[in-house]
């Protein structure tokens, strides 16, 4: 499961504390880029 969170300001993003169930942050992981996810066969 992937979760995307968007913020209107940098301040909001910096103040955000993710809930425990979010797991690891994959923001900068190339493995989870949209183009890569779209090319995977399931």
PDB file of N, CA and C in Angstrom:
ATOM      1  N   UNK A   1       0.842  -1.154   0.000  1.00  0.00           N
ATOM      2  CA  UNK A   1       0.000   0.000   0.000  1.00  0.00           C
ATOM      3  C   UNK A   1       0.896   1.228   0.000  1.00  0.00           C
ATOM      4  N   UNK A   2       0.561   2.165  -0.853  1.00  0.00           N
ATOM      5  CA  UNK A   2       1.258   3.454  -0.876  1.00  0.00           C
ATOM      6  C   UNK A   2       0.296   4.538  -0.408  1.00  0.00           C
ATOM      7  N   UNK A   3       0.809   5.484   0.320  1.00  0.00           N
ATOM      8  CA  UNK A   3       0.013   6.608   0.807  1.00  0.00           C
ATOM      9  C   UNK A   3       0.670   7.883   0.316  1.00  0.00           C
ATOM     10  N   UNK A   4      -0.119   8.771  -0.267  1.00  0.00           N
ATOM     11  CA  UNK A   4       0.400  10.057  -0.710  1.00  0.00           C
ATOM     12  C   UNK A   4      -0.254  11.152   0.112  1.00  0.00           C
ATOM     13  N   UNK A   5       0.560  12.063   0.603  1.00  0.00           N
ATOM     14  CA  UNK A   5       0.053  13.180   1.391  1.00  0.00           C
ATOM     15  C   UNK A   5       0.546  14.460   0.742  1.00  0.00           C
ATOM     16  N   UNK A   6      -0.363  15.394   0.525  1.00  0.00           N
ATOM     17  CA  UNK A   6      -0.002  16.669  -0.086  1.00  0.00           C
ATOM     18  C   UNK A   6      -0.275  17.804   0.894  1.00  0.00           C
ATOM     19  N   UNK A   7       0.520  18.852   0.791  1.00  0.00           N
ATOM     20  CA  UNK A   7       0.399  19.997   1.677  1.00  0.00           C
ATOM     21  C   UNK A   7       0.366  21.274   0.850  1.00  0.00           C
ATOM     22  N   UNK A   8      -0.274  22.288   1.394  1.00  0.00           N
ATOM     23  CA  UNK A   8      -0.352  23.574   0.707  1.00  0.00           C
ATOM     24  C   UNK A   8       0.883  24.423   0.943  1.00  0.00           C
ATOM     25  N   UNK A   9       1.585  24.192   2.050  1.00  0.00           N
ATOM     26  CA  UNK A   9       2.773  24.990   2.354  1.00  0.00           C
ATOM     27  C   UNK A   9       3.896  24.089   2.854  1.00  0.00           C
ATOM     28  N   UNK A  10       5.112  24.595   2.780  1.00  0.00           N
ATOM     29  CA  UNK A  10       6.265  23.871   3.315  1.00  0.00           C
ATOM     30  C   UNK A  10       6.158  23.733   4.830  1.00  0.00           C
ATOM     31  N   UNK A  11       5.587  24.749   5.458  1.00  0.00           N
ATOM     32  CA  UNK A  11       5.432  24.711   6.910  1.00  0.00           C
ATOM     33  C   UNK A  11       4.539  23.553   7.337  1.00  0.00           C
ATOM     34  N   UNK A  12       3.447  23.352   6.605  1.00  0.00           N
ATOM     35  CA  UNK A  12       2.550  22.233   6.897  1.00  0.00           C
ATOM     36  C   UNK A  12       3.278  20.900   6.705  1.00  0.00           C
ATOM     37  N   UNK A  13       4.031  20.797   5.636  1.00  0.00           N
ATOM     38  CA  UNK A  13       4.766  19.561   5.364  1.00  0.00           C
ATOM     39  C   UNK A  13       5.792  19.289   6.455  1.00  0.00           C
ATOM     40  N   UNK A  14       6.500  20.313   6.886  1.00  0.00           N
ATOM     41  CA  UNK A  14       7.523  20.147   7.916  1.00  0.00           C
ATOM     42  C   UNK A  14       6.920  19.810   9.277  1.00  0.00           C
ATOM     43  N   UNK A  15       5.691  20.239   9.521  1.00  0.00           N
ATOM     44  CA  UNK A  15       5.034  19.992  10.809  1.00  0.00           C
ATOM     45  C   UNK A  15       4.329  18.634  10.845  1.00  0.00           C
ATOM     46  N   UNK A  16       4.201  17.993   9.705  1.00  0.00           N
ATOM     47  CA  UNK A  16       3.452  16.737   9.623  1.00  0.00           C
ATOM     48  C   UNK A  16       4.164  15.608  10.359  1.00  0.00           C
ATOM     49  N   UNK A  17       3.413  14.900  11.173  1.00  0.00           N
ATOM     50  CA  UNK A  17       3.918  13.707  11.863  1.00  0.00           C
ATOM     51  C   UNK A  17       3.071  12.537  11.375  1.00  0.00           C
ATOM     52  N   UNK A  18       3.659  11.647  10.582  1.00  0.00           N
ATOM     53  CA  UNK A  18       2.870  10.543  10.029  1.00  0.00           C
ATOM     54  C   UNK A  18       2.455   9.543  11.103  1.00  0.00           C
ATOM     55  N   UNK A  19       1.287   8.946  10.933  1.00  0.00           N
ATOM     56  CA  UNK A  19       0.872   7.910  11.875  1.00  0.00           C
ATOM     57  C   UNK A  19       1.775   6.684  11.754  1.00  0.00           C
ATOM     58  N   UNK A  20       1.796   5.868  12.774  1.00  0.00           N
ATOM     59  CA  UNK A  20       2.657   4.676  12.801  1.00  0.00           C
ATOM     60  C   UNK A  20       2.454   3.760  11.601  1.00  0.00           C
ATOM     61  N   UNK A  21       1.217   3.611  11.166  1.00  0.00           N
ATOM     62  CA  UNK A  21       0.919   2.652  10.110  1.00  0.00           C
ATOM     63  C   UNK A  21       1.445   3.074   8.741  1.00  0.00           C
ATOM     64  N   UNK A  22       1.960   4.290   8.601  1.00  0.00           N
ATOM     65  CA  UNK A  22       2.507   4.738   7.316  1.00  0.00           C
ATOM     66  C   UNK A  22       3.704   3.905   6.871  1.00  0.00           C
ATOM     67  N   UNK A  23       4.494   3.388   7.783  1.00  0.00           N
ATOM     68  CA  UNK A  23       5.685   2.634   7.386  1.00  0.00           C
ATOM     69  C   UNK A  23       6.799   3.561   6.931  1.00  0.00           C
ATOM     70  N   UNK A  24       7.701   3.044   6.100  1.00  0.00           N
ATOM     71  CA  UNK A  24       8.864   3.839   5.705  1.00  0.00           C
ATOM     72  C   UNK A  24       8.519   4.866   4.627  1.00  0.00           C
ATOM     73  N   UNK A  25       9.269   5.946   4.603  1.00  0.00           N
ATOM     74  CA  UNK A  25       9.102   7.012   3.624  1.00  0.00           C
ATOM     75  C   UNK A  25       9.840   6.621   2.349  1.00  0.00           C
ATOM     76  N   UNK A  26       9.125   6.575   1.226  1.00  0.00           N
ATOM     77  CA  UNK A  26       9.737   6.201  -0.053  1.00  0.00           C
ATOM     78  C   UNK A  26       9.756   7.376  -1.028  1.00  0.00           C
ATOM     79  N   UNK A  27       9.674   8.582  -0.490  1.00  0.00           N
ATOM     80  CA  UNK A  27       9.606   9.784  -1.318  1.00  0.00           C
ATOM     81  C   UNK A  27      10.700   9.828  -2.383  1.00  0.00           C
ATOM     82  N   UNK A  28      11.917   9.529  -2.012  1.00  0.00           N
ATOM     83  CA  UNK A  28      13.030   9.651  -2.954  1.00  0.00           C
ATOM     84  C   UNK A  28      13.507   8.301  -3.484  1.00  0.00           C
ATOM     85  N   UNK A  29      12.705   7.274  -3.332  1.00  0.00           N
ATOM     86  CA  UNK A  29      13.063   5.941  -3.816  1.00  0.00           C
ATOM     87  C   UNK A  29      12.651   5.804  -5.279  1.00  0.00           C
ATOM     88  N   UNK A  30      13.579   5.508  -6.134  1.00  0.00           N
ATOM     89  CA  UNK A  30      13.279   5.307  -7.546  1.00  0.00           C
ATOM     90  C   UNK A  30      12.369   4.116  -7.782  1.00  0.00           C
ATOM     91  N   UNK A  31      12.345   3.210  -6.835  1.00  0.00           N
ATOM     92  CA  UNK A  31      11.524   1.997  -6.966  1.00  0.00           C
ATOM     93  C   UNK A  31      10.034   2.323  -7.030  1.00  0.00           C
ATOM     94  N   UNK A  32       9.640   3.453  -6.478  1.00  0.00           N
ATOM     95  CA  UNK A  32       8.228   3.803  -6.406  1.00  0.00           C
ATOM     96  C   UNK A  32       7.838   4.970  -7.307  1.00  0.00           C
ATOM     97  N   UNK A  33       8.618   5.257  -8.326  1.00  0.00           N
ATOM     98  CA  UNK A  33       8.244   6.295  -9.288  1.00  0.00           C
ATOM     99  C   UNK A  33       7.060   5.797 -10.114  1.00  0.00           C
ATOM    100  N   UNK A  34       6.164   6.703 -10.479  1.00  0.00           N
ATOM    101  CA  UNK A  34       4.972   6.317 -11.236  1.00  0.00           C
ATOM    102  C   UNK A  34       5.316   5.550 -12.511  1.00  0.00           C
ATOM    103  N   UNK A  35       6.322   5.981 -13.225  1.00  0.00           N
ATOM    104  CA  UNK A  35       6.678   5.314 -14.479  1.00  0.00           C
ATOM    105  C   UNK A  35       7.125   3.879 -14.230  1.00  0.00           C
ATOM    106  N   UNK A  36       7.810   3.662 -13.149  1.00  0.00           N
ATOM    107  CA  UNK A  36       8.270   2.311 -12.814  1.00  0.00           C
ATOM    108  C   UNK A  36       7.099   1.439 -12.355  1.00  0.00           C
ATOM    109  N   UNK A  37       6.218   1.995 -11.546  1.00  0.00           N
ATOM    110  CA  UNK A  37       5.054   1.244 -11.082  1.00  0.00           C
ATOM    111  C   UNK A  37       4.143   0.871 -12.262  1.00  0.00           C
ATOM    112  N   UNK A  38       4.005   1.770 -13.211  1.00  0.00           N
ATOM    113  CA  UNK A  38       3.140   1.522 -14.362  1.00  0.00           C
ATOM    114  C   UNK A  38       3.668   0.413 -15.262  1.00  0.00           C
ATOM    115  N   UNK A  39       4.968   0.188 -15.256  1.00  0.00           N
ATOM    116  CA  UNK A  39       5.550  -0.825 -16.135  1.00  0.00           C
ATOM    117  C   UNK A  39       5.628  -2.205 -15.501  1.00  0.00           C
ATOM    118  N   UNK A  40       5.285  -2.334 -14.201  1.00  0.00           N
ATOM    119  CA  UNK A  40       5.337  -3.633 -13.536  1.00  0.00           C
ATOM    120  C   UNK A  40       4.124  -4.468 -13.933  1.00  0.00           C
ATOM    121  N   UNK A  41       4.342  -5.739 -14.122  1.00  0.00           N
ATOM    122  CA  UNK A  41       3.222  -6.640 -14.378  1.00  0.00           C
ATOM    123  C   UNK A  41       2.881  -7.390 -13.102  1.00  0.00           C
ATOM    124  N   UNK A  42       1.616  -7.508 -12.834  1.00  0.00           N
ATOM    125  CA  UNK A  42       1.177  -8.150 -11.593  1.00  0.00           C
ATOM    126  C   UNK A  42       0.469  -9.445 -11.896  1.00  0.00           C
TER     127      UNK A  42
END
